[in-house]
Amino acid sequence: MNQTIRQKQAVLQVLRDRISMSTSEMYQMIGREEPVREPRFNVVPLGKNKFDVVERSTGLSRGARDGHGMACEYAKQLEKNADFFEEVRVTTSRFGRILLRWTIGVAVMLVVFAYFGAKQ
């Protein structure tokens, strides 16, 4: 991975840590408990040291693992991936809105220039 990408990821991780820290400080200042985020994935025993990782919202199985530790690590990895893809989705939708605004603005300017150019 490129060094600049690693640096950007490190900066973003520091910013995420600061956000979570400031959020917990805010809840402490107002005297309320922080809302606990429910995990997206459950580890369910299948028998004979096999565990299944199940998504809570849909009930779909995401894979079976040997051993509880391996299944928990897999569930944590799936959680990280889900958070990452959620951030990507938000970022791309924000980029799409900005691109749409610029496209509409340029189109309006072209229409105005065409109108005044055809008039003369």
PDB file of N, CA and C in Angstrom:
ATOM      1  N   MET A   1       0.852  -1.175   0.000  1.00  0.00           N
ATOM      2  CA  MET A   1       0.000   0.000   0.000  1.00  0.00           C
ATOM      3  C   MET A   1       0.897   1.237   0.000  1.00  0.00           C
ATOM      4  N   ASN A   2       0.478   2.248  -0.698  1.00  0.00           N
ATOM      5  CA  ASN A   2       1.230   3.480  -0.819  1.00  0.00           C
ATOM      6  C   ASN A   2       1.366   4.168   0.549  1.00  0.00           C
ATOM      7  N   GLN A   3       2.500   4.828   0.744  1.00  0.00           N
ATOM      8  CA  GLN A   3       2.758   5.462   2.034  1.00  0.00           C
ATOM      9  C   GLN A   3       1.769   6.599   2.301  1.00  0.00           C
ATOM     10  N   THR A   4       1.410   7.364   1.276  1.00  0.00           N
ATOM     11  CA  THR A   4       0.470   8.461   1.500  1.00  0.00           C
ATOM     12  C   THR A   4      -0.912   7.942   1.879  1.00  0.00           C
ATOM     13  N   ILE A   5      -1.289   6.806   1.300  1.00  0.00           N
ATOM     14  CA  ILE A   5      -2.582   6.218   1.661  1.00  0.00           C
ATOM     15  C   ILE A   5      -2.552   5.770   3.117  1.00  0.00           C
ATOM     16  N   ARG A   6      -1.445   5.155   3.534  1.00  0.00           N
ATOM     17  CA  ARG A   6      -1.313   4.735   4.933  1.00  0.00           C
ATOM     18  C   ARG A   6      -1.370   5.930   5.875  1.00  0.00           C
ATOM     19  N   GLN A   7      -0.721   7.026   5.466  1.00  0.00           N
ATOM     20  CA  GLN A   7      -0.749   8.224   6.309  1.00  0.00           C
ATOM     21  C   GLN A   7      -2.156   8.779   6.412  1.00  0.00           C
ATOM     22  N   LYS A   8      -2.879   8.819   5.296  1.00  0.00           N
ATOM     23  CA  LYS A   8      -4.259   9.305   5.330  1.00  0.00           C
ATOM     24  C   LYS A   8      -5.130   8.423   6.210  1.00  0.00           C
ATOM     25  N   GLN A   9      -4.935   7.097   6.114  1.00  0.00           N
ATOM     26  CA  GLN A   9      -5.713   6.191   6.945  1.00  0.00           C
ATOM     27  C   GLN A   9      -5.394   6.387   8.417  1.00  0.00           C
ATOM     28  N   ALA A  10      -4.120   6.639   8.728  1.00  0.00           N
ATOM     29  CA  ALA A  10      -3.743   6.878  10.127  1.00  0.00           C
ATOM     30  C   ALA A  10      -4.380   8.159  10.640  1.00  0.00           C
ATOM     31  N   VAL A  11      -4.388   9.205   9.814  1.00  0.00           N
ATOM     32  CA  VAL A  11      -5.005  10.473  10.218  1.00  0.00           C
ATOM     33  C   VAL A  11      -6.503  10.281  10.437  1.00  0.00           C
ATOM     34  N   LEU A  12      -7.154   9.551   9.525  1.00  0.00           N
ATOM     35  CA  LEU A  12      -8.589   9.312   9.676  1.00  0.00           C
ATOM     36  C   LEU A  12      -8.891   8.492  10.929  1.00  0.00           C
ATOM     37  N   GLN A  13      -8.034   7.533  11.250  1.00  0.00           N
ATOM     38  CA  GLN A  13      -8.254   6.747  12.460  1.00  0.00           C
ATOM     39  C   GLN A  13      -8.121   7.611  13.707  1.00  0.00           C
ATOM     40  N   VAL A  14      -7.150   8.533  13.704  1.00  0.00           N
ATOM     41  CA  VAL A  14      -6.994   9.453  14.836  1.00  0.00           C
ATOM     42  C   VAL A  14      -8.233  10.336  14.971  1.00  0.00           C
ATOM     43  N   LEU A  15      -8.751  10.808  13.829  1.00  0.00           N
ATOM     44  CA  LEU A  15      -9.956  11.640  13.862  1.00  0.00           C
ATOM     45  C   LEU A  15     -11.159  10.841  14.388  1.00  0.00           C
ATOM     46  N   ARG A  16     -11.288   9.574  13.967  1.00  0.00           N
ATOM     47  CA  ARG A  16     -12.381   8.741  14.475  1.00  0.00           C
ATOM     48  C   ARG A  16     -12.260   8.546  15.985  1.00  0.00           C
ATOM     49  N   ASP A  17     -11.035   8.331  16.447  1.00  0.00           N
ATOM     50  CA  ASP A  17     -10.820   8.170  17.886  1.00  0.00           C
ATOM     51  C   ASP A  17     -11.189   9.440  18.640  1.00  0.00           C
ATOM     52  N   ARG A  18     -10.817  10.598  18.077  1.00  0.00           N
ATOM     53  CA  ARG A  18     -11.169  11.873  18.720  1.00  0.00           C
ATOM     54  C   ARG A  18     -12.679  12.073  18.762  1.00  0.00           C
ATOM     55  N   ILE A  19     -13.353  11.696  17.690  1.00  0.00           N
ATOM     56  CA  ILE A  19     -14.809  11.844  17.648  1.00  0.00           C
ATOM     57  C   ILE A  19     -15.454  10.987  18.730  1.00  0.00           C
ATOM     58  N   SER A  20     -15.025   9.733  18.843  1.00  0.00           N
ATOM     59  CA  SER A  20     -15.626   8.864  19.860  1.00  0.00           C
ATOM     60  C   SER A  20     -15.294   9.367  21.263  1.00  0.00           C
ATOM     61  N   MET A  21     -14.078   9.902  21.450  1.00  0.00           N
ATOM     62  CA  MET A  21     -13.695  10.426  22.758  1.00  0.00           C
ATOM     63  C   MET A  21     -14.524  11.669  23.103  1.00  0.00           C
ATOM     64  N   SER A  22     -14.700  12.561  22.134  1.00  0.00           N
ATOM     65  CA  SER A  22     -15.475  13.776  22.409  1.00  0.00           C
ATOM     66  C   SER A  22     -16.950  13.447  22.617  1.00  0.00           C
ATOM     67  N   THR A  23     -17.446  12.438  21.920  1.00  0.00           N
ATOM     68  CA  THR A  23     -18.831  12.020  22.120  1.00  0.00           C
ATOM     69  C   THR A  23     -19.034  11.484  23.527  1.00  0.00           C
ATOM     70  N   SER A  24     -18.092  10.664  23.992  1.00  0.00           N
ATOM     71  CA  SER A  24     -18.233  10.142  25.356  1.00  0.00           C
ATOM     72  C   SER A  24     -18.093  11.260  26.391  1.00  0.00           C
ATOM     73  N   GLU A  25     -17.222  12.242  26.128  1.00  0.00           N
ATOM     74  CA  GLU A  25     -17.110  13.386  27.038  1.00  0.00           C
ATOM     75  C   GLU A  25     -18.395  14.193  27.065  1.00  0.00           C
ATOM     76  N   MET A  26     -19.035  14.353  25.901  1.00  0.00           N
ATOM     77  CA  MET A  26     -20.291  15.092  25.853  1.00  0.00           C
ATOM     78  C   MET A  26     -21.358  14.402  26.686  1.00  0.00           C
ATOM     79  N   TYR A  27     -21.449  13.072  26.556  1.00  0.00           N
ATOM     80  CA  TYR A  27     -22.435  12.337  27.346  1.00  0.00           C
ATOM     81  C   TYR A  27     -22.133  12.450  28.832  1.00  0.00           C
ATOM     82  N   GLN A  28     -20.854  12.478  29.210  1.00  0.00           N
ATOM     83  CA  GLN A  28     -20.497  12.644  30.612  1.00  0.00           C
ATOM     84  C   GLN A  28     -20.887  14.028  31.110  1.00  0.00           C
ATOM     85  N   MET A  29     -20.716  15.053  30.266  1.00  0.00           N
ATOM     86  CA  MET A  29     -21.037  16.423  30.673  1.00  0.00           C
ATOM     87  C   MET A  29     -22.530  16.613  30.902  1.00  0.00           C
ATOM     88  N   ILE A  30     -23.353  15.954  30.083  1.00  0.00           N
ATOM     89  CA  ILE A  30     -24.797  16.131  30.259  1.00  0.00           C
ATOM     90  C   ILE A  30     -25.366  15.127  31.255  1.00  0.00           C
ATOM     91  N   GLY A  31     -24.528  14.218  31.740  1.00  0.00           N
ATOM     92  CA  GLY A  31     -24.960  13.294  32.782  1.00  0.00           C
ATOM     93  C   GLY A  31     -25.800  12.138  32.292  1.00  0.00           C
ATOM     94  N   ARG A  32     -25.611  11.731  31.045  1.00  0.00           N
ATOM     95  CA  ARG A  32     -26.350  10.593  30.509  1.00  0.00           C
ATOM     96  C   ARG A  32     -25.378   9.502  30.102  1.00  0.00           C
ATOM     97  N   GLU A  33     -25.878   8.296  30.047  1.00  0.00           N
ATOM     98  CA  GLU A  33     -25.055   7.184  29.600  1.00  0.00           C
ATOM     99  C   GLU A  33     -25.009   7.153  28.074  1.00  0.00           C
ATOM    100  N   GLU A  34     -23.873   6.700  27.558  1.00  0.00           N
ATOM    101  CA  GLU A  34     -23.737   6.580  26.106  1.00  0.00           C
ATOM    102  C   GLU A  34     -24.618   5.451  25.597  1.00  0.00           C
ATOM    103  N   PRO A  35     -25.223   5.645  24.434  1.00  0.00           N
ATOM    104  CA  PRO A  35     -25.989   4.541  23.865  1.00  0.00           C
ATOM    105  C   PRO A  35     -25.037   3.440  23.407  1.00  0.00           C
ATOM    106  N   VAL A  36     -25.378   2.226  23.722  1.00  0.00           N
ATOM    107  CA  VAL A  36     -24.543   1.087  23.347  1.00  0.00           C
ATOM    108  C   VAL A  36     -24.957   0.621  21.958  1.00  0.00           C
ATOM    109  N   ARG A  37     -23.969   0.491  21.086  1.00  0.00           N
ATOM    110  CA  ARG A  37     -24.241   0.031  19.731  1.00  0.00           C
ATOM    111  C   ARG A  37     -24.312  -1.485  19.713  1.00  0.00           C
ATOM    112  N   GLU A  38     -25.401  -2.018  19.229  1.00  0.00           N
ATOM    113  CA  GLU A  38     -25.554  -3.462  19.173  1.00  0.00           C
ATOM    114  C   GLU A  38     -24.641  -4.023  18.085  1.00  0.00           C
ATOM    115  N   PRO A  39     -24.064  -5.178  18.334  1.00  0.00           N
ATOM    116  CA  PRO A  39     -23.225  -5.786  17.295  1.00  0.00           C
ATOM    117  C   PRO A  39     -24.074  -6.232  16.108  1.00  0.00           C
ATOM    118  N   ARG A  40     -23.486  -6.173  14.931  1.00  0.00           N
ATOM    119  CA  ARG A  40     -24.220  -6.583  13.736  1.00  0.00           C
ATOM    120  C   ARG A  40     -24.255  -8.096  13.575  1.00  0.00           C
ATOM    121  N   PHE A  41     -23.288  -8.779  14.178  1.00  0.00           N
ATOM    122  CA  PHE A  41     -23.149 -10.214  13.964  1.00  0.00           C
ATOM    123  C   PHE A  41     -23.152 -10.964  15.295  1.00  0.00           C
ATOM    124  N   ASN A  42     -23.824 -12.114  15.308  1.00  0.00           N
ATOM    125  CA  ASN A  42     -23.857 -12.994  16.471  1.00  0.00           C
ATOM    126  C   ASN A  42     -23.069 -14.256  16.155  1.00  0.00           C
ATOM    127  N   VAL A  43     -22.431 -14.802  17.183  1.00  0.00           N
ATOM    128  CA  VAL A  43     -21.748 -16.087  17.056  1.00  0.00           C
ATOM    129  C   VAL A  43     -22.644 -17.126  17.705  1.00  0.00           C
ATOM    130  N   VAL A  44     -23.066 -18.109  16.919  1.00  0.00           N
ATOM    131  CA  VAL A  44     -24.026 -19.110  17.366  1.00  0.00           C
ATOM    132  C   VAL A  44     -23.349 -20.485  17.332  1.00  0.00           C
ATOM    133  N   PRO A  45     -23.434 -21.250  18.435  1.00  0.00           N
ATOM    134  CA  PRO A  45     -22.825 -22.583  18.419  1.00  0.00           C
ATOM    135  C   PRO A  45     -23.615 -23.555  17.550  1.00  0.00           C
ATOM    136  N   LEU A  46     -22.872 -24.368  16.776  1.00  0.00           N
ATOM    137  CA  LEU A  46     -23.499 -25.381  15.943  1.00  0.00           C
ATOM    138  C   LEU A  46     -23.299 -26.785  16.499  1.00  0.00           C
ATOM    139  N   GLY A  47     -22.327 -26.944  17.398  1.00  0.00           N
ATOM    140  CA  GLY A  47     -22.010 -28.258  17.958  1.00  0.00           C
ATOM    141  C   GLY A  47     -20.668 -28.747  17.447  1.00  0.00           C
ATOM    142  N   LYS A  48     -20.011 -29.598  18.232  1.00  0.00           N
ATOM    143  CA  LYS A  48     -18.709 -30.176  17.886  1.00  0.00           C
ATOM    144  C   LYS A  48     -17.677 -29.097  17.578  1.00  0.00           C
ATOM    145  N   ASN A  49     -17.612 -28.057  18.429  1.00  0.00           N
ATOM    146  CA  ASN A  49     -16.654 -26.958  18.327  1.00  0.00           C
ATOM    147  C   ASN A  49     -16.788 -26.166  17.025  1.00  0.00           C
ATOM    148  N   LYS A  50     -17.975 -26.129  16.443  1.00  0.00           N
ATOM    149  CA  LYS A  50     -18.262 -25.325  15.255  1.00  0.00           C
ATOM    150  C   LYS A  50     -19.167 -24.180  15.675  1.00  0.00           C
ATOM    151  N   PHE A  51     -18.869 -22.990  15.156  1.00  0.00           N
ATOM    152  CA  PHE A  51     -19.660 -21.807  15.470  1.00  0.00           C
ATOM    153  C   PHE A  51     -20.006 -21.086  14.180  1.00  0.00           C
ATOM    154  N   ASP A  52     -21.223 -20.595  14.116  1.00  0.00           N
ATOM    155  CA  ASP A  52     -21.712 -19.899  12.931  1.00  0.00           C
ATOM    156  C   ASP A  52     -21.796 -18.406  13.235  1.00  0.00           C
ATOM    157  N   VAL A  53     -21.420 -17.586  12.274  1.00  0.00           N
ATOM    158  CA  VAL A  53     -21.539 -16.135  12.411  1.00  0.00           C
ATOM    159  C   VAL A  53     -22.779 -15.715  11.634  1.00  0.00           C
ATOM    160  N   VAL A  54     -23.757 -15.145  12.341  1.00  0.00           N
ATOM    161  CA  VAL A  54     -25.052 -14.802  11.757  1.00  0.00           C
ATOM    162  C   VAL A  54     -25.264 -13.299  11.850  1.00  0.00           C
ATOM    163  N   GLU A  55     -25.716 -12.713  10.743  1.00  0.00           N
ATOM    164  CA  GLU A  55     -26.041 -11.286  10.743  1.00  0.00           C
ATOM    165  C   GLU A  55     -27.364 -11.084  11.461  1.00  0.00           C
ATOM    166  N   ARG A  56     -27.387 -10.135  12.400  1.00  0.00           N
ATOM    167  CA  ARG A  56     -28.585  -9.932  13.227  1.00  0.00           C
ATOM    168  C   ARG A  56     -29.758  -9.391  12.440  1.00  0.00           C
ATOM    169  N   SER A  57     -29.520  -8.447  11.541  1.00  0.00           N
ATOM    170  CA  SER A  57     -30.633  -7.776  10.869  1.00  0.00           C
ATOM    171  C   SER A  57     -31.339  -8.687   9.872  1.00  0.00           C
ATOM    172  N   THR A  58     -30.592  -9.542   9.168  1.00  0.00           N
ATOM    173  CA  THR A  58     -31.205 -10.374   8.142  1.00  0.00           C
ATOM    174  C   THR A  58     -31.337 -11.833   8.540  1.00  0.00           C
ATOM    175  N   GLY A  59     -30.535 -12.275   9.520  1.00  0.00           N
ATOM    176  CA  GLY A  59     -30.562 -13.672   9.925  1.00  0.00           C
ATOM    177  C   GLY A  59     -29.767 -14.582   9.003  1.00  0.00           C
ATOM    178  N   LEU A  60     -29.012 -13.997   8.074  1.00  0.00           N
ATOM    179  CA  LEU A  60     -28.220 -14.783   7.145  1.00  0.00           C
ATOM    180  C   LEU A  60     -26.914 -15.242   7.797  1.00  0.00           C
ATOM    181  N   SER A  61     -26.511 -16.441   7.452  1.00  0.00           N
ATOM    182  CA  SER A  61     -25.256 -16.977   7.949  1.00  0.00           C
ATOM    183  C   SER A  61     -24.114 -16.415   7.109  1.00  0.00           C
ATOM    184  N   ARG A  62     -23.089 -15.917   7.766  1.00  0.00           N
ATOM    185  CA  ARG A  62     -21.933 -15.361   7.067  1.00  0.00           C
ATOM    186  C   ARG A  62     -20.748 -16.312   7.048  1.00  0.00           C
ATOM    187  N   GLY A  63     -20.873 -17.470   7.665  1.00  0.00           N
ATOM    188  CA  GLY A  63     -19.810 -18.457   7.616  1.00  0.00           C
ATOM    189  C   GLY A  63     -19.635 -19.152   8.951  1.00  0.00           C
ATOM    190  N   ALA A  64     -19.209 -20.413   8.874  1.00  0.00           N
ATOM    191  CA  ALA A  64     -18.961 -21.198  10.080  1.00  0.00           C
ATOM    192  C   ALA A  64     -17.460 -21.293  10.297  1.00  0.00           C
ATOM    193  N   ARG A  65     -17.058 -21.297  11.561  1.00  0.00           N
ATOM    194  CA  ARG A  65     -15.645 -21.388  11.923  1.00  0.00           C
ATOM    195  C   ARG A  65     -15.465 -22.436  13.002  1.00  0.00           C
ATOM    196  N   ASP A  66     -14.277 -23.028  13.029  1.00  0.00           N
ATOM    197  CA  ASP A  66     -13.915 -23.971  14.088  1.00  0.00           C
ATOM    198  C   ASP A  66     -13.376 -23.189  15.270  1.00  0.00           C
ATOM    199  N   GLY A  67     -13.969 -23.335  16.418  1.00  0.00           N
ATOM    200  CA  GLY A  67     -13.521 -22.655  17.624  1.00  0.00           C
ATOM    201  C   GLY A  67     -14.207 -21.316  17.814  1.00  0.00           C
ATOM    202  N   HIS A  68     -14.479 -21.018  19.079  1.00  0.00           N
ATOM    203  CA  HIS A  68     -15.174 -19.779  19.416  1.00  0.00           C
ATOM    204  C   HIS A  68     -14.314 -18.555  19.127  1.00  0.00           C
ATOM    205  N   GLY A  69     -13.023 -18.641  19.417  1.00  0.00           N
ATOM    206  CA  GLY A  69     -12.128 -17.507  19.181  1.00  0.00           C
ATOM    207  C   GLY A  69     -12.053 -17.133  17.711  1.00  0.00           C
ATOM    208  N   MET A  70     -11.958 -18.155  16.861  1.00  0.00           N
ATOM    209  CA  MET A  70     -11.893 -17.901  15.417  1.00  0.00           C
ATOM    210  C   MET A  70     -13.194 -17.259  14.922  1.00  0.00           C
ATOM    211  N   ALA A  71     -14.319 -17.724  15.439  1.00  0.00           N
ATOM    212  CA  ALA A  71     -15.610 -17.178  15.025  1.00  0.00           C
ATOM    213  C   ALA A  71     -15.751 -15.730  15.492  1.00  0.00           C
ATOM    214  N   CYS A  72     -15.294 -15.431  16.708  1.00  0.00           N
ATOM    215  CA  CYS A  72     -15.365 -14.060  17.210  1.00  0.00           C
ATOM    216  C   CYS A  72     -14.465 -13.125  16.409  1.00  0.00           C
ATOM    217  N   GLU A  73     -13.268 -13.600  16.064  1.00  0.00           N
ATOM    218  CA  GLU A  73     -12.375 -12.783  15.227  1.00  0.00           C
ATOM    219  C   GLU A  73     -13.000 -12.519  13.872  1.00  0.00           C
ATOM    220  N   TYR A  74     -13.642 -13.540  13.296  1.00  0.00           N
ATOM    221  CA  TYR A  74     -14.299 -13.377  12.009  1.00  0.00           C
ATOM    222  C   TYR A  74     -15.454 -12.372  12.113  1.00  0.00           C
ATOM    223  N   ALA A  75     -16.208 -12.439  13.200  1.00  0.00           N
ATOM    224  CA  ALA A  75     -17.315 -11.494  13.402  1.00  0.00           C
ATOM    225  C   ALA A  75     -16.781 -10.063  13.544  1.00  0.00           C
ATOM    226  N   LYS A  76     -15.663  -9.893  14.253  1.00  0.00           N
ATOM    227  CA  LYS A  76     -15.063  -8.562  14.381  1.00  0.00           C
ATOM    228  C   LYS A  76     -14.582  -8.045  13.040  1.00  0.00           C
ATOM    229  N   GLN A  77     -13.993  -8.932  12.223  1.00  0.00           N
ATOM    230  CA  GLN A  77     -13.539  -8.526  10.895  1.00  0.00           C
ATOM    231  C   GLN A  77     -14.727  -8.126  10.025  1.00  0.00           C
ATOM    232  N   LEU A  78     -15.809  -8.878  10.104  1.00  0.00           N
ATOM    233  CA  LEU A  78     -17.016  -8.513   9.344  1.00  0.00           C
ATOM    234  C   LEU A  78     -17.565  -7.168   9.807  1.00  0.00           C
ATOM    235  N   GLU A  79     -17.505  -6.914  11.102  1.00  0.00           N
ATOM    236  CA  GLU A  79     -17.964  -5.635  11.653  1.00  0.00           C
ATOM    237  C   GLU A  79     -17.130  -4.480  11.098  1.00  0.00           C
ATOM    238  N   LYS A  80     -15.802  -4.660  11.082  1.00  0.00           N
ATOM    239  CA  LYS A  80     -14.927  -3.620  10.527  1.00  0.00           C
ATOM    240  C   LYS A  80     -15.225  -3.387   9.055  1.00  0.00           C
ATOM    241  N   ASN A  81     -15.411  -4.476   8.300  1.00  0.00           N
ATOM    242  CA  ASN A  81     -15.713  -4.346   6.878  1.00  0.00           C
ATOM    243  C   ASN A  81     -17.042  -3.629   6.663  1.00  0.00           C
ATOM    244  N   ALA A  82     -18.038  -3.938   7.472  1.00  0.00           N
ATOM    245  CA  ALA A  82     -19.347  -3.286   7.340  1.00  0.00           C
ATOM    246  C   ALA A  82     -19.233  -1.789   7.635  1.00  0.00           C
ATOM    247  N   ASP A  83     -18.459  -1.435   8.670  1.00  0.00           N
ATOM    248  CA  ASP A  83     -18.251  -0.017   8.972  1.00  0.00           C
ATOM    249  C   ASP A  83     -17.540   0.686   7.827  1.00  0.00           C
ATOM    250  N   PHE A  84     -16.522   0.029   7.269  1.00  0.00           N
ATOM    251  CA  PHE A  84     -15.764   0.621   6.164  1.00  0.00           C
ATOM    252  C   PHE A  84     -16.658   0.859   4.959  1.00  0.00           C
ATOM    253  N   PHE A  85     -17.450  -0.150   4.587  1.00  0.00           N
ATOM    254  CA  PHE A  85     -18.305   0.001   3.410  1.00  0.00           C
ATOM    255  C   PHE A  85     -19.422   1.010   3.647  1.00  0.00           C
ATOM    256  N   GLU A  86     -19.862   1.168   4.877  1.00  0.00           N
ATOM    257  CA  GLU A  86     -20.850   2.211   5.186  1.00  0.00           C
ATOM    258  C   GLU A  86     -20.238   3.596   4.989  1.00  0.00           C
ATOM    259  N   GLU A  87     -18.977   3.768   5.436  1.00  0.00           N
ATOM    260  CA  GLU A  87     -18.294   5.043   5.226  1.00  0.00           C
ATOM    261  C   GLU A  87     -18.087   5.313   3.749  1.00  0.00           C
ATOM    262  N   VAL A  88     -17.745   4.277   2.981  1.00  0.00           N
ATOM    263  CA  VAL A  88     -17.559   4.437   1.535  1.00  0.00           C
ATOM    264  C   VAL A  88     -18.872   4.839   0.888  1.00  0.00           C
ATOM    265  N   ARG A  89     -19.972   4.217   1.311  1.00  0.00           N
ATOM    266  CA  ARG A  89     -21.276   4.547   0.734  1.00  0.00           C
ATOM    267  C   ARG A  89     -21.645   6.005   1.007  1.00  0.00           C
ATOM    268  N   VAL A  90     -21.404   6.458   2.230  1.00  0.00           N
ATOM    269  CA  VAL A  90     -21.713   7.845   2.583  1.00  0.00           C
ATOM    270  C   VAL A  90     -20.839   8.809   1.779  1.00  0.00           C
ATOM    271  N   THR A  91     -19.554   8.483   1.653  1.00  0.00           N
ATOM    272  CA  THR A  91     -18.634   9.348   0.922  1.00  0.00           C
ATOM    273  C   THR A  91     -19.002   9.422  -0.548  1.00  0.00           C
ATOM    274  N   THR A  92     -19.333   8.286  -1.156  1.00  0.00           N
ATOM    275  CA  THR A  92     -19.683   8.308  -2.573  1.00  0.00           C
ATOM    276  C   THR A  92     -20.999   9.031  -2.818  1.00  0.00           C
ATOM    277  N   SER A  93     -21.952   8.900  -1.907  1.00  0.00           N
ATOM    278  CA  SER A  93     -23.215   9.621  -2.107  1.00  0.00           C
ATOM    279  C   SER A  93     -22.991  11.127  -1.963  1.00  0.00           C
ATOM    280  N   ARG A  94     -22.118  11.527  -1.039  1.00  0.00           N
ATOM    281  CA  ARG A  94     -21.787  12.940  -0.894  1.00  0.00           C
ATOM    282  C   ARG A  94     -21.094  13.455  -2.157  1.00  0.00           C
ATOM    283  N   PHE A  95     -20.157  12.669  -2.680  1.00  0.00           N
ATOM    284  CA  PHE A  95     -19.468  13.046  -3.915  1.00  0.00           C
ATOM    285  C   PHE A  95     -20.453  13.138  -5.078  1.00  0.00           C
ATOM    286  N   GLY A  96     -21.400  12.205  -5.139  1.00  0.00           N
ATOM    287  CA  GLY A  96     -22.402  12.230  -6.202  1.00  0.00           C
ATOM    288  C   GLY A  96     -23.267  13.479  -6.143  1.00  0.00           C
ATOM    289  N   ARG A  97     -23.646  13.894  -4.924  1.00  0.00           N
ATOM    290  CA  ARG A  97     -24.445  15.118  -4.806  1.00  0.00           C
ATOM    291  C   ARG A  97     -23.660  16.340  -5.259  1.00  0.00           C
ATOM    292  N   ILE A  98     -22.391  16.412  -4.879  1.00  0.00           N
ATOM    293  CA  ILE A  98     -21.560  17.546  -5.286  1.00  0.00           C
ATOM    294  C   ILE A  98     -21.399  17.561  -6.802  1.00  0.00           C
ATOM    295  N   LEU A  99     -21.137  16.383  -7.389  1.00  0.00           N
ATOM    296  CA  LEU A  99     -20.977  16.299  -8.837  1.00  0.00           C
ATOM    297  C   LEU A  99     -22.266  16.692  -9.556  1.00  0.00           C
ATOM    298  N   LEU A 100     -23.406  16.280  -9.023  1.00  0.00           N
ATOM    299  CA  LEU A 100     -24.685  16.649  -9.633  1.00  0.00           C
ATOM    300  C   LEU A 100     -24.904  18.158  -9.585  1.00  0.00           C
ATOM    301  N   ARG A 101     -24.581  18.792  -8.467  1.00  0.00           N
ATOM    302  CA  ARG A 101     -24.733  20.249  -8.374  1.00  0.00           C
ATOM    303  C   ARG A 101     -23.852  20.966  -9.381  1.00  0.00           C
ATOM    304  N   TRP A 102     -22.598  20.518  -9.506  1.00  0.00           N
ATOM    305  CA  TRP A 102     -21.705  21.138 -10.481  1.00  0.00           C
ATOM    306  C   TRP A 102     -22.223  20.929 -11.908  1.00  0.00           C
ATOM    307  N   THR A 103     -22.726  19.766 -12.208  1.00  0.00           N
ATOM    308  CA  THR A 103     -23.245  19.481 -13.541  1.00  0.00           C
ATOM    309  C   THR A 103     -24.441  20.366 -13.849  1.00  0.00           C
ATOM    310  N   ILE A 104     -25.332  20.528 -12.900  1.00  0.00           N
ATOM    311  CA  ILE A 104     -26.492  21.402 -13.109  1.00  0.00           C
ATOM    312  C   ILE A 104     -26.039  22.839 -13.296  1.00  0.00           C
ATOM    313  N   GLY A 105     -25.063  23.275 -12.498  1.00  0.00           N
ATOM    314  CA  GLY A 105     -24.561  24.645 -12.640  1.00  0.00           C
ATOM    315  C   GLY A 105     -23.924  24.893 -13.987  1.00  0.00           C
ATOM    316  N   VAL A 106     -23.109  23.959 -14.453  1.00  0.00           N
ATOM    317  CA  VAL A 106     -22.472  24.109 -15.765  1.00  0.00           C
ATOM    318  C   VAL A 106     -23.527  24.074 -16.864  1.00  0.00           C
ATOM    319  N   ALA A 107     -24.528  23.212 -16.752  1.00  0.00           N
ATOM    320  CA  ALA A 107     -25.592  23.134 -17.752  1.00  0.00           C
ATOM    321  C   ALA A 107     -26.367  24.449 -17.819  1.00  0.00           C
ATOM    322  N   VAL A 108     -26.661  25.033 -16.674  1.00  0.00           N
ATOM    323  CA  VAL A 108     -27.372  26.311 -16.655  1.00  0.00           C
ATOM    324  C   VAL A 108     -26.532  27.395 -17.317  1.00  0.00           C
ATOM    325  N   MET A 109     -25.234  27.405 -17.020  1.00  0.00           N
ATOM    326  CA  MET A 109     -24.363  28.407 -17.650  1.00  0.00           C
ATOM    327  C   MET A 109     -24.301  28.218 -19.163  1.00  0.00           C
ATOM    328  N   LEU A 110     -24.246  26.985 -19.638  1.00  0.00           N
ATOM    329  CA  LEU A 110     -24.232  26.739 -21.079  1.00  0.00           C
ATOM    330  C   LEU A 110     -25.532  27.182 -21.731  1.00  0.00           C
ATOM    331  N   VAL A 111     -26.654  26.944 -21.065  1.00  0.00           N
ATOM    332  CA  VAL A 111     -27.943  27.392 -21.596  1.00  0.00           C
ATOM    333  C   VAL A 111     -27.976  28.913 -21.679  1.00  0.00           C
ATOM    334  N   VAL A 112     -27.477  29.592 -20.663  1.00  0.00           N
ATOM    335  CA  VAL A 112     -27.449  31.060 -20.675  1.00  0.00           C
ATOM    336  C   VAL A 112     -26.554  31.562 -21.797  1.00  0.00           C
ATOM    337  N   PHE A 113     -25.369  30.974 -21.954  1.00  0.00           N
ATOM    338  CA  PHE A 113     -24.471  31.397 -23.028  1.00  0.00           C
ATOM    339  C   PHE A 113     -25.084  31.116 -24.398  1.00  0.00           C
ATOM    340  N   ALA A 114     -25.749  29.986 -24.563  1.00  0.00           N
ATOM    341  CA  ALA A 114     -26.386  29.667 -25.834  1.00  0.00           C
ATOM    342  C   ALA A 114     -27.532  30.632 -26.121  1.00  0.00           C
ATOM    343  N   TYR A 115     -28.274  30.991 -25.116  1.00  0.00           N
ATOM    344  CA  TYR A 115     -29.388  31.918 -25.290  1.00  0.00           C
ATOM    345  C   TYR A 115     -28.893  33.276 -25.743  1.00  0.00           C
ATOM    346  N   PHE A 116     -27.879  33.823 -25.023  1.00  0.00           N
ATOM    347  CA  PHE A 116     -27.374  35.132 -25.389  1.00  0.00           C
ATOM    348  C   PHE A 116     -26.589  35.093 -26.687  1.00  0.00           C
ATOM    349  N   GLY A 117     -25.939  33.976 -27.015  1.00  0.00           N
ATOM    350  CA  GLY A 117     -25.219  33.846 -28.282  1.00  0.00           C
ATOM    351  C   GLY A 117     -26.160  33.774 -29.454  1.00  0.00           C
ATOM    352  N   ALA A 118     -27.304  33.112 -29.306  1.00  0.00           N
ATOM    353  CA  ALA A 118     -28.272  32.997 -30.391  1.00  0.00           C
ATOM    354  C   ALA A 118     -29.038  34.292 -30.576  1.00  0.00           C
ATOM    355  N   LYS A 119     -29.126  35.082 -29.542  1.00  0.00           N
ATOM    356  CA  LYS A 119     -29.880  36.333 -29.595  1.00  0.00           C
ATOM    357  C   LYS A 119     -29.139  37.382 -30.403  1.00  0.00           C
ATOM    358  N   GLN A 120     -27.808  37.320 -30.377  1.00  0.00           N
ATOM    359  CA  GLN A 120     -27.053  38.371 -31.075  1.00  0.00           C
ATOM    360  C   GLN A 120     -26.774  38.012 -32.444  1.00  0.00           C
TER     361      GLN A 120
END
